[in-house]
Protein backbone atom coordinates (compact mmCIF):
# COMPACT_ATOMS: atom_id res chain seq x y z
CA MET A 1 -24.74 33.34 45.70
CA GLY A 2 -25.07 30.44 43.23
CA ILE A 3 -28.25 28.62 42.23
CA ALA A 4 -26.91 25.38 43.69
CA ARG A 5 -26.62 26.95 47.15
CA ARG A 6 -30.04 28.61 46.98
CA HIS A 7 -31.78 25.54 45.56
CA PRO A 8 -29.95 22.37 46.57
CA TRP A 9 -32.98 20.22 45.65
CA LEU A 10 -32.82 21.56 42.08
CA SER A 11 -29.15 20.53 41.84
CA ALA A 12 -29.93 17.11 43.18
CA LEU A 13 -32.78 16.70 40.68
CA VAL A 14 -30.53 17.70 37.76
CA ALA A 15 -27.86 15.24 38.94
CA VAL A 16 -30.43 12.39 39.15
CA ALA A 17 -31.75 13.26 35.66
CA ILE A 18 -28.25 13.16 34.18
CA GLY A 19 -27.51 9.85 35.94
CA ALA A 20 -30.75 8.32 34.61
CA ALA A 21 -30.05 9.58 31.09
CA ALA A 22 -26.61 7.87 31.19
CA THR A 23 -27.97 4.66 32.73
CA VAL A 24 -30.75 3.96 30.22
CA PRO A 25 -28.43 3.31 27.22
CA ILE A 26 -26.13 1.20 29.33
CA VAL A 27 -28.98 -0.96 30.57
CA ALA A 28 -30.59 -1.17 27.10
CA TYR A 29 -27.38 -1.99 25.22
CA ILE A 30 -25.18 -3.96 27.62
CA ILE A 31 -27.26 -5.57 30.37
CA LEU A 32 -30.59 -6.51 28.75
CA PRO A 33 -29.14 -8.18 25.65
CA GLN A 34 -27.26 -10.60 27.88
CA PHE A 35 -30.63 -12.07 28.68
CA VAL A 36 -31.65 -12.21 25.01
CA ARG A 37 -29.49 -15.12 23.99
CA SER A 38 -30.49 -17.97 21.69
CA THR A 39 -28.90 -21.12 20.39
CA LEU A 40 -29.44 -22.76 17.01
CA VAL A 41 -27.64 -25.79 15.62
CA GLU A 42 -28.21 -26.47 11.92
CA ASP A 43 -26.38 -29.01 9.87
CA LEU A 44 -24.49 -27.92 6.79
CA PRO A 45 -26.92 -28.13 3.88
CA VAL A 46 -26.83 -31.46 2.07
CA PRO A 47 -25.98 -31.36 -1.62
CA SER A 48 -28.54 -32.81 -3.92
CA VAL A 49 -27.67 -36.30 -5.16
CA SER A 50 -27.47 -36.66 -8.91
CA ALA A 51 -27.51 -39.77 -10.99
CA ALA A 52 -24.15 -40.83 -12.36
CA PRO A 53 -23.31 -43.36 -15.05
CA SER A 54 -24.65 -46.82 -14.25
CA THR A 55 -22.73 -49.29 -12.19
CA THR A 56 -21.97 -52.81 -13.28
CA SER A 57 -25.42 -53.88 -11.95
CA GLY A 58 -27.04 -51.42 -14.36
CA ALA A 59 -28.42 -49.10 -11.66
CA PRO A 60 -27.23 -45.49 -11.60
CA ALA A 61 -24.65 -44.82 -8.92
CA PRO A 62 -25.45 -41.84 -6.73
CA THR A 63 -22.76 -39.21 -6.49
CA THR A 64 -22.46 -36.50 -3.88
CA PRO A 65 -21.01 -33.18 -4.96
CA ALA A 66 -18.15 -31.98 -2.80
CA VAL A 67 -18.50 -29.31 -0.14
CA ASP A 68 -15.86 -26.70 -0.84
CA THR A 69 -14.76 -23.92 1.54
CA LEU A 70 -14.35 -20.82 -0.60
CA LEU A 71 -13.56 -18.20 2.10
CA LYS A 72 -13.00 -18.43 5.86
CA GLY A 73 -12.57 -16.07 8.80
CA GLU A 74 -12.72 -15.82 12.59
CA LEU A 75 -15.10 -13.57 14.50
CA VAL A 76 -13.41 -10.91 16.65
CA ARG A 77 -14.00 -8.90 19.81
CA VAL A 78 -14.73 -5.29 18.95
CA SER A 79 -15.17 -3.97 22.53
CA VAL A 80 -16.25 -5.10 25.98
CA ALA A 81 -19.91 -5.13 24.96
CA ASP A 82 -19.44 -6.10 21.29
CA TYR A 83 -17.81 -9.46 20.65
CA GLY A 84 -17.98 -12.69 18.78
CA SER A 85 -15.97 -15.90 18.64
CA GLY A 86 -16.11 -18.83 16.30
CA ILE A 87 -15.55 -19.47 12.62
CA VAL A 88 -17.46 -18.25 9.59
CA ARG A 89 -17.07 -19.95 6.20
CA ILE A 90 -18.46 -19.38 2.78
CA VAL A 91 -18.99 -22.82 1.32
CA ARG A 92 -20.18 -24.22 -1.98
CA VAL A 93 -22.53 -27.17 -1.64
CA GLY A 94 -23.35 -28.51 -5.08
CA ASP A 95 -24.47 -25.47 -7.08
CA ASP A 96 -25.43 -23.39 -4.01
CA ARG A 97 -23.30 -21.15 -1.79
CA PHE A 98 -23.85 -20.60 1.93
CA LEU A 99 -22.44 -18.49 4.72
CA ARG A 100 -21.86 -20.87 7.61
CA PHE A 101 -21.45 -19.78 11.24
CA GLU A 102 -19.71 -22.58 13.18
CA ASP A 103 -19.70 -22.89 16.97
CA VAL A 104 -20.19 -19.15 17.43
CA ASP A 105 -20.76 -17.11 20.54
CA ILE A 106 -21.96 -13.59 19.70
CA ALA A 107 -22.85 -10.76 22.08
CA GLY A 108 -26.56 -10.18 22.45
CA ALA A 109 -27.96 -6.95 21.04
CA PRO A 110 -31.30 -5.95 19.59
CA ASP A 111 -32.05 -5.92 15.83
CA MET A 112 -28.89 -7.71 14.60
CA TYR A 113 -28.31 -8.41 10.88
CA VAL A 114 -25.72 -10.33 8.86
CA TYR A 115 -23.95 -8.49 6.05
CA LEU A 116 -21.38 -9.59 3.52
CA SER A 117 -19.19 -6.44 3.22
CA ASP A 118 -16.58 -5.10 0.86
CA ARG A 119 -14.48 -3.81 3.78
CA THR A 120 -12.13 -5.54 6.26
CA ASP A 121 -12.38 -3.09 9.14
CA GLY A 122 -15.72 -4.24 10.56
CA LYS A 123 -17.80 -1.48 8.96
CA PRO A 124 -20.66 -2.44 6.61
CA GLY A 125 -19.39 -0.41 3.65
CA THR A 126 -21.10 -1.69 0.50
CA PHE A 127 -22.85 -4.79 1.66
CA VAL A 128 -25.31 -7.55 0.89
CA ASP A 129 -27.89 -8.09 3.64
CA LEU A 130 -28.43 -11.80 4.34
CA GLY A 131 -31.09 -11.17 6.94
CA LYS A 132 -31.53 -11.13 10.72
CA LEU A 133 -29.01 -12.97 12.85
CA LYS A 134 -30.62 -16.39 13.50
CA ALA A 135 -29.03 -16.96 16.91
CA THR A 136 -26.27 -15.73 19.22
CA ASN A 137 -24.82 -19.21 19.74
CA GLY A 138 -24.46 -22.33 17.68
CA SER A 139 -23.95 -23.26 14.04
CA PHE A 140 -26.24 -22.05 11.26
CA ASN A 141 -26.40 -21.14 7.57
CA TYR A 142 -27.47 -18.34 5.23
CA ARG A 143 -27.99 -18.90 1.52
CA ILE A 144 -25.88 -16.53 -0.60
CA PRO A 145 -27.53 -15.16 -3.74
CA ALA A 146 -26.20 -16.82 -6.90
CA SER A 147 -25.72 -13.38 -8.51
CA LEU A 148 -23.28 -12.18 -5.83
CA ASP A 149 -19.65 -11.82 -6.94
CA LEU A 150 -17.62 -13.27 -4.06
CA GLY A 151 -14.56 -11.38 -5.36
CA ALA A 152 -16.03 -8.22 -3.82
CA VAL A 153 -16.73 -9.82 -0.42
CA LYS A 154 -14.00 -9.11 2.14
CA SER A 155 -15.79 -9.71 5.46
CA VAL A 156 -18.88 -10.85 7.36
CA VAL A 157 -20.33 -8.14 9.62
CA VAL A 158 -22.89 -8.67 12.40
CA TRP A 159 -24.52 -5.26 12.63
CA CYS A 160 -26.89 -3.87 15.29
CA ARG A 161 -29.26 -1.60 13.40
CA GLN A 162 -30.83 -0.11 16.58
CA PHE A 163 -27.54 1.26 17.82
CA THR A 164 -25.78 1.44 14.42
CA VAL A 165 -22.77 -0.51 15.66
CA THR A 166 -20.78 -3.54 14.63
CA VAL A 167 -21.30 -6.33 17.15
CA THR A 168 -18.60 -8.52 15.61
CA TYR A 169 -17.03 -9.22 12.24
CA ALA A 170 -14.67 -11.60 10.45
CA ALA A 171 -12.26 -10.72 7.69
CA LEU A 172 -12.44 -13.44 5.03
CA ARG A 173 -9.48 -15.11 3.29
């Protein structure tokens, strides 16, 4: 006679333990982050105004350096729980470069970071860490180090360190 027939309460206890073990990650990764959403709306950084040659009145005429888009991509859905939508751009503002998230909606997850990656498949690969994700919704900026060679950057990856998973990414062109 089997253990399950002799000890039905033991079988029930094991089944409950297995169910709880499967439920905890689902609740921690899918359900709770939906309540951890934030919105941030930052303007594109303003280039510094430099003095230009004087005008006919003798006063220097202010000039505003152009804002150039160097690379651009669109955030993608990775899975049911991991998604993003909106545009990311790498822009030059004067002498500085920024990663700009524009009108984004990104799945909530704990411990999310923004990486500039050398891969196009959503994996971090060799990356530059720009810091924690500022918000899950909105428009915001990250300063890119001046020493970074943009020729090696192929994508932006939003990475959840706690679960070691890509939340969303955008291949850059």
